[in-house]
Amino acid sequence: MGGLICNDLWANPCCTLMPDSHLTNKLKQLGARVVFHAVNGGRSSDPWSEVNWQFYESNLRMRARVASVYIATLDNAFPIDVRCSAPSGLVGPQREWLSRCVERGEQFLCCEIPLE
C-alpha cells in the first residue's frame, strides 16, 4: 500500500509548479495495490469549484486505471454545509467507484477491497 497527500496525486496545474511526477504509477512499481489519498481541499461557491471537482474526479479514475490500483480518497468535510472540494470514496482499477460518499458532510465508509 502507499499514501499520497492531496496534490501529490493529481498534480493540479493551478497548484503544481513542477512537472507531474506520476507518483501513483511509482507507488505501483514499488508494489502498492492500494493508494490512500488524504485531501484538505478548499471549498467555495465560485464557479471554478465545479471545474475543479470534474478535474479531481476524472484524475482519480484515470490514475487508478493507468496504475491498476485501488485509490481510497477522502476530502476534509468541514464546513459540513458546503460541498467538498473533491469526491471521497474508493475507486477501483477499472475506473469504477466501488463506494462513494455524498458531496457534503461527515460520513463513514466501509468497503472490501478484493485483493486476490
N, C-alpha and C. Protein backbone atom coordinates (compact mmCIF):
# COMPACT_ATOMS: atom_id res chain seq x y z
N MET A 1 0.83 -1.17 0.00
CA MET A 1 0.00 0.00 0.00
C MET A 1 0.88 1.24 0.00
N GLY A 2 0.31 2.32 -0.44
CA GLY A 2 1.02 3.58 -0.48
C GLY A 2 0.11 4.70 -0.02
N GLY A 3 0.65 5.86 0.15
CA GLY A 3 -0.13 7.01 0.56
C GLY A 3 0.34 8.27 -0.13
N LEU A 4 -0.60 9.12 -0.50
CA LEU A 4 -0.29 10.41 -1.11
C LEU A 4 -1.16 11.48 -0.47
N ILE A 5 -0.62 12.67 -0.39
CA ILE A 5 -1.35 13.79 0.19
C ILE A 5 -1.75 14.75 -0.92
N CYS A 6 -3.03 14.97 -1.03
CA CYS A 6 -3.66 15.98 -1.88
C CYS A 6 -3.04 16.07 -3.27
N ASN A 7 -2.39 17.18 -3.56
CA ASN A 7 -1.90 17.47 -4.90
C ASN A 7 -0.75 16.58 -5.33
N ASP A 8 -0.16 15.81 -4.41
CA ASP A 8 0.87 14.84 -4.81
C ASP A 8 0.28 13.80 -5.75
N LEU A 9 -1.02 13.55 -5.64
CA LEU A 9 -1.67 12.59 -6.55
C LEU A 9 -2.07 13.27 -7.84
N TRP A 10 -2.89 14.32 -7.77
CA TRP A 10 -3.47 14.79 -9.02
C TRP A 10 -2.73 15.92 -9.71
N ALA A 11 -1.73 16.48 -9.12
CA ALA A 11 -0.88 17.48 -9.79
C ALA A 11 -1.71 18.54 -10.52
N ASN A 12 -2.61 19.19 -9.79
CA ASN A 12 -3.44 20.25 -10.36
C ASN A 12 -2.53 21.34 -10.95
N PRO A 13 -2.68 21.65 -12.24
CA PRO A 13 -1.80 22.64 -12.86
C PRO A 13 -1.92 24.04 -12.26
N CYS A 14 -3.00 24.31 -11.53
CA CYS A 14 -3.14 25.61 -10.86
C CYS A 14 -2.30 25.68 -9.59
N CYS A 15 -1.86 24.52 -9.08
CA CYS A 15 -1.14 24.48 -7.80
C CYS A 15 0.25 23.88 -7.90
N THR A 16 0.50 23.07 -8.92
CA THR A 16 1.77 22.37 -9.05
C THR A 16 2.66 23.11 -10.03
N LEU A 17 3.80 23.55 -9.56
CA LEU A 17 4.69 24.34 -10.40
C LEU A 17 5.74 23.49 -11.10
N MET A 18 5.81 22.21 -10.77
CA MET A 18 6.79 21.33 -11.40
C MET A 18 6.06 20.30 -12.27
N PRO A 19 6.78 19.56 -13.10
CA PRO A 19 6.13 18.55 -13.92
C PRO A 19 5.45 17.47 -13.07
N ASP A 20 4.41 16.88 -13.62
CA ASP A 20 3.69 15.79 -12.94
C ASP A 20 4.63 14.60 -12.80
N SER A 21 4.88 14.16 -11.58
CA SER A 21 5.82 13.05 -11.34
C SER A 21 5.13 11.68 -11.32
N HIS A 22 3.82 11.64 -11.55
CA HIS A 22 3.07 10.38 -11.65
C HIS A 22 3.38 9.46 -10.47
N LEU A 23 3.19 9.97 -9.27
CA LEU A 23 3.52 9.21 -8.06
C LEU A 23 2.65 7.97 -7.88
N THR A 24 1.43 7.97 -8.40
CA THR A 24 0.59 6.78 -8.31
C THR A 24 1.25 5.63 -9.05
N ASN A 25 1.78 5.90 -10.24
CA ASN A 25 2.49 4.87 -11.01
C ASN A 25 3.74 4.41 -10.28
N LYS A 26 4.46 5.33 -9.67
CA LYS A 26 5.68 4.97 -8.95
C LYS A 26 5.36 4.08 -7.75
N LEU A 27 4.25 4.38 -7.04
CA LEU A 27 3.85 3.53 -5.93
C LEU A 27 3.51 2.12 -6.42
N LYS A 28 2.84 2.02 -7.56
CA LYS A 28 2.53 0.72 -8.15
C LYS A 28 3.82 -0.04 -8.45
N GLN A 29 4.81 0.64 -9.02
CA GLN A 29 6.09 0.00 -9.33
C GLN A 29 6.78 -0.51 -8.07
N LEU A 30 6.52 0.14 -6.95
CA LEU A 30 7.09 -0.29 -5.67
C LEU A 30 6.26 -1.40 -5.00
N GLY A 31 5.17 -1.80 -5.64
CA GLY A 31 4.37 -2.91 -5.13
C GLY A 31 3.03 -2.54 -4.52
N ALA A 32 2.67 -1.28 -4.52
CA ALA A 32 1.38 -0.87 -3.93
C ALA A 32 0.22 -1.38 -4.78
N ARG A 33 -0.81 -1.86 -4.11
CA ARG A 33 -2.05 -2.25 -4.77
C ARG A 33 -3.19 -1.33 -4.36
N VAL A 34 -2.98 -0.64 -3.24
CA VAL A 34 -3.96 0.33 -2.73
C VAL A 34 -3.20 1.61 -2.40
N VAL A 35 -3.74 2.74 -2.83
CA VAL A 35 -3.16 4.05 -2.50
C VAL A 35 -4.18 4.81 -1.67
N PHE A 36 -3.77 5.22 -0.48
CA PHE A 36 -4.62 6.05 0.38
C PHE A 36 -4.29 7.50 0.09
N HIS A 37 -5.33 8.30 -0.15
CA HIS A 37 -5.16 9.68 -0.60
C HIS A 37 -5.90 10.62 0.34
N ALA A 38 -5.15 11.43 1.07
CA ALA A 38 -5.72 12.40 2.02
C ALA A 38 -5.79 13.77 1.36
N VAL A 39 -6.95 14.41 1.45
CA VAL A 39 -7.17 15.70 0.80
C VAL A 39 -7.64 16.72 1.84
N ASN A 40 -7.17 17.93 1.73
CA ASN A 40 -7.67 19.03 2.55
C ASN A 40 -7.94 20.20 1.61
N GLY A 41 -8.85 19.97 0.67
CA GLY A 41 -9.12 20.96 -0.36
C GLY A 41 -9.91 22.15 0.14
N GLY A 42 -9.72 23.25 -0.54
CA GLY A 42 -10.51 24.44 -0.23
C GLY A 42 -11.87 24.33 -0.89
N ARG A 43 -12.85 24.99 -0.33
CA ARG A 43 -14.19 24.96 -0.91
C ARG A 43 -14.75 26.37 -1.01
N SER A 44 -15.59 26.52 -2.01
CA SER A 44 -16.24 27.81 -2.19
C SER A 44 -17.42 27.63 -3.13
N SER A 45 -18.17 28.70 -3.31
CA SER A 45 -19.28 28.66 -4.27
C SER A 45 -18.86 29.26 -5.60
N ASP A 46 -17.58 29.51 -5.76
CA ASP A 46 -17.03 30.03 -7.00
C ASP A 46 -17.34 29.06 -8.15
N PRO A 47 -17.66 29.57 -9.34
CA PRO A 47 -17.94 28.68 -10.48
C PRO A 47 -16.80 27.70 -10.79
N TRP A 48 -15.57 28.08 -10.44
CA TRP A 48 -14.44 27.18 -10.70
C TRP A 48 -14.49 25.94 -9.83
N SER A 49 -15.23 25.95 -8.73
CA SER A 49 -15.29 24.76 -7.87
C SER A 49 -15.86 23.57 -8.64
N GLU A 50 -16.79 23.80 -9.56
CA GLU A 50 -17.34 22.71 -10.37
C GLU A 50 -16.29 22.18 -11.35
N VAL A 51 -15.52 23.07 -11.94
CA VAL A 51 -14.45 22.65 -12.85
C VAL A 51 -13.41 21.83 -12.09
N ASN A 52 -13.04 22.31 -10.90
CA ASN A 52 -12.07 21.57 -10.08
C ASN A 52 -12.61 20.19 -9.72
N TRP A 53 -13.89 20.11 -9.32
CA TRP A 53 -14.50 18.82 -8.96
C TRP A 53 -14.36 17.83 -10.13
N GLN A 54 -14.71 18.29 -11.33
CA GLN A 54 -14.63 17.42 -12.50
C GLN A 54 -13.19 16.97 -12.77
N PHE A 55 -12.24 17.89 -12.60
CA PHE A 55 -10.83 17.55 -12.78
C PHE A 55 -10.41 16.49 -11.77
N TYR A 56 -10.75 16.70 -10.50
CA TYR A 56 -10.33 15.76 -9.46
C TYR A 56 -10.95 14.38 -9.67
N GLU A 57 -12.24 14.34 -9.99
CA GLU A 57 -12.90 13.05 -10.18
C GLU A 57 -12.30 12.30 -11.38
N SER A 58 -12.16 12.97 -12.50
CA SER A 58 -11.58 12.33 -13.68
C SER A 58 -10.15 11.88 -13.42
N ASN A 59 -9.39 12.72 -12.74
CA ASN A 59 -8.00 12.43 -12.45
C ASN A 59 -7.88 11.18 -11.58
N LEU A 60 -8.69 11.08 -10.54
CA LEU A 60 -8.67 9.89 -9.67
C LEU A 60 -8.95 8.63 -10.47
N ARG A 61 -9.96 8.67 -11.29
CA ARG A 61 -10.36 7.49 -12.05
C ARG A 61 -9.31 7.12 -13.09
N MET A 62 -8.73 8.11 -13.75
CA MET A 62 -7.70 7.82 -14.75
C MET A 62 -6.44 7.25 -14.11
N ARG A 63 -6.02 7.82 -12.99
CA ARG A 63 -4.79 7.33 -12.34
C ARG A 63 -4.98 5.94 -11.76
N ALA A 64 -6.17 5.64 -11.25
CA ALA A 64 -6.44 4.28 -10.76
C ALA A 64 -6.33 3.28 -11.92
N ARG A 65 -6.87 3.65 -13.05
CA ARG A 65 -6.84 2.77 -14.23
C ARG A 65 -5.43 2.60 -14.76
N VAL A 66 -4.72 3.69 -14.96
CA VAL A 66 -3.38 3.63 -15.54
C VAL A 66 -2.43 2.83 -14.65
N ALA A 67 -2.49 3.04 -13.35
CA ALA A 67 -1.59 2.33 -12.43
C ALA A 67 -2.15 0.96 -12.02
N SER A 68 -3.41 0.69 -12.35
CA SER A 68 -4.07 -0.55 -11.95
C SER A 68 -4.02 -0.75 -10.43
N VAL A 69 -4.47 0.29 -9.72
CA VAL A 69 -4.51 0.26 -8.25
C VAL A 69 -5.90 0.71 -7.78
N TYR A 70 -6.18 0.44 -6.52
CA TYR A 70 -7.35 0.99 -5.85
C TYR A 70 -6.90 2.30 -5.21
N ILE A 71 -7.73 3.32 -5.30
CA ILE A 71 -7.44 4.59 -4.63
C ILE A 71 -8.56 4.88 -3.64
N ALA A 72 -8.20 4.92 -2.37
CA ALA A 72 -9.13 5.31 -1.31
C ALA A 72 -8.86 6.77 -1.01
N THR A 73 -9.79 7.64 -1.37
CA THR A 73 -9.57 9.08 -1.27
C THR A 73 -10.59 9.70 -0.32
N LEU A 74 -10.14 10.68 0.44
CA LEU A 74 -11.00 11.32 1.43
C LEU A 74 -10.67 12.79 1.55
N ASP A 75 -11.68 13.63 1.35
CA ASP A 75 -11.52 15.08 1.50
C ASP A 75 -11.99 15.51 2.88
N ASN A 76 -11.46 16.60 3.36
CA ASN A 76 -11.90 17.25 4.59
C ASN A 76 -13.38 17.62 4.42
N ALA A 77 -14.19 17.39 5.42
CA ALA A 77 -15.64 17.62 5.32
C ALA A 77 -16.11 18.91 5.98
N PHE A 78 -15.20 19.77 6.40
CA PHE A 78 -15.60 20.99 7.11
C PHE A 78 -15.49 22.19 6.19
N PRO A 79 -16.42 23.09 6.17
CA PRO A 79 -17.69 23.10 6.90
C PRO A 79 -18.69 22.14 6.25
N ILE A 80 -19.52 21.54 7.08
CA ILE A 80 -20.39 20.47 6.61
C ILE A 80 -21.53 20.93 5.70
N ASP A 81 -21.80 22.22 5.65
CA ASP A 81 -22.89 22.71 4.80
C ASP A 81 -22.41 23.12 3.41
N VAL A 82 -21.11 22.98 3.13
CA VAL A 82 -20.55 23.34 1.83
C VAL A 82 -20.03 22.07 1.16
N ARG A 83 -20.26 21.95 -0.13
CA ARG A 83 -19.79 20.79 -0.89
C ARG A 83 -18.28 20.64 -0.74
N CYS A 84 -17.83 19.40 -0.59
CA CYS A 84 -16.39 19.12 -0.52
C CYS A 84 -15.73 19.57 -1.83
N SER A 85 -14.42 19.73 -1.79
CA SER A 85 -13.71 20.19 -2.98
C SER A 85 -13.45 19.06 -3.97
N ALA A 86 -13.51 17.81 -3.49
CA ALA A 86 -13.24 16.65 -4.34
C ALA A 86 -14.06 15.46 -3.84
N PRO A 87 -14.34 14.51 -4.71
CA PRO A 87 -15.10 13.34 -4.27
C PRO A 87 -14.31 12.48 -3.30
N SER A 88 -15.03 11.77 -2.43
CA SER A 88 -14.42 10.84 -1.47
C SER A 88 -15.02 9.46 -1.69
N GLY A 89 -14.19 8.45 -1.55
CA GLY A 89 -14.66 7.08 -1.70
C GLY A 89 -13.54 6.17 -2.15
N LEU A 90 -13.91 5.06 -2.76
CA LEU A 90 -12.95 4.07 -3.23
C LEU A 90 -13.12 3.87 -4.73
N VAL A 91 -12.05 4.13 -5.48
CA VAL A 91 -12.03 3.95 -6.93
C VAL A 91 -11.26 2.67 -7.23
N GLY A 92 -11.83 1.82 -8.08
CA GLY A 92 -11.16 0.57 -8.46
C GLY A 92 -10.28 0.74 -9.67
N PRO A 93 -9.47 -0.28 -9.97
CA PRO A 93 -8.53 -0.19 -11.08
C PRO A 93 -9.18 -0.16 -12.46
N GLN A 94 -10.47 -0.37 -12.53
CA GLN A 94 -11.17 -0.26 -13.81
C GLN A 94 -11.90 1.09 -13.94
N ARG A 95 -11.51 2.06 -13.13
CA ARG A 95 -12.05 3.43 -13.11
C ARG A 95 -13.40 3.55 -12.42
N GLU A 96 -13.91 2.47 -11.85
CA GLU A 96 -15.25 2.50 -11.26
C GLU A 96 -15.20 2.92 -9.80
N TRP A 97 -16.25 3.60 -9.36
CA TRP A 97 -16.41 3.91 -7.94
C TRP A 97 -16.99 2.68 -7.27
N LEU A 98 -16.23 2.06 -6.37
CA LEU A 98 -16.72 0.89 -5.63
C LEU A 98 -17.59 1.32 -4.46
N SER A 99 -17.30 2.47 -3.93
CA SER A 99 -18.09 3.06 -2.85
C SER A 99 -17.81 4.56 -2.88
N ARG A 100 -18.84 5.33 -2.58
CA ARG A 100 -18.67 6.78 -2.71
C ARG A 100 -19.48 7.51 -1.65
N CYS A 101 -18.89 8.55 -1.09
CA CYS A 101 -19.58 9.39 -0.11
C CYS A 101 -20.42 10.45 -0.84
N VAL A 102 -21.42 10.98 -0.15
CA VAL A 102 -22.15 12.12 -0.71
C VAL A 102 -21.23 13.33 -0.68
N GLU A 103 -21.60 14.39 -1.33
CA GLU A 103 -20.70 15.50 -1.60
C GLU A 103 -20.48 16.48 -0.46
N ARG A 104 -21.24 16.38 0.62
CA ARG A 104 -21.02 17.30 1.74
C ARG A 104 -21.32 16.59 3.04
N GLY A 105 -20.69 17.06 4.10
CA GLY A 105 -20.93 16.50 5.42
C GLY A 105 -19.98 15.37 5.77
N GLU A 106 -20.00 15.02 7.05
CA GLU A 106 -19.15 13.95 7.57
C GLU A 106 -19.84 12.60 7.41
N GLN A 107 -19.10 11.61 6.95
CA GLN A 107 -19.64 10.27 6.74
C GLN A 107 -18.59 9.22 7.08
N PHE A 108 -19.05 8.00 7.21
CA PHE A 108 -18.17 6.86 7.41
C PHE A 108 -18.40 5.90 6.25
N LEU A 109 -17.34 5.29 5.81
CA LEU A 109 -17.42 4.43 4.64
C LEU A 109 -16.69 3.13 4.94
N CYS A 110 -17.30 2.03 4.57
CA CYS A 110 -16.67 0.72 4.74
C CYS A 110 -16.84 -0.03 3.43
N CYS A 111 -15.74 -0.55 2.91
CA CYS A 111 -15.80 -1.24 1.63
C CYS A 111 -14.69 -2.29 1.59
N GLU A 112 -15.01 -3.48 1.14
CA GLU A 112 -13.99 -4.51 0.98
C GLU A 112 -13.24 -4.30 -0.33
N ILE A 113 -11.93 -4.47 -0.26
CA ILE A 113 -11.09 -4.36 -1.44
C ILE A 113 -10.67 -5.78 -1.82
N PRO A 114 -11.07 -6.25 -2.99
CA PRO A 114 -10.78 -7.63 -3.39
C PRO A 114 -9.33 -7.80 -3.86
N LEU A 115 -8.43 -8.03 -2.94
CA LEU A 115 -7.01 -8.20 -3.27
C LEU A 115 -6.70 -9.70 -3.36
N GLU A 116 -7.02 -10.29 -4.47
CA GLU A 116 -6.78 -11.72 -4.66
C GLU A 116 -5.41 -11.98 -5.21
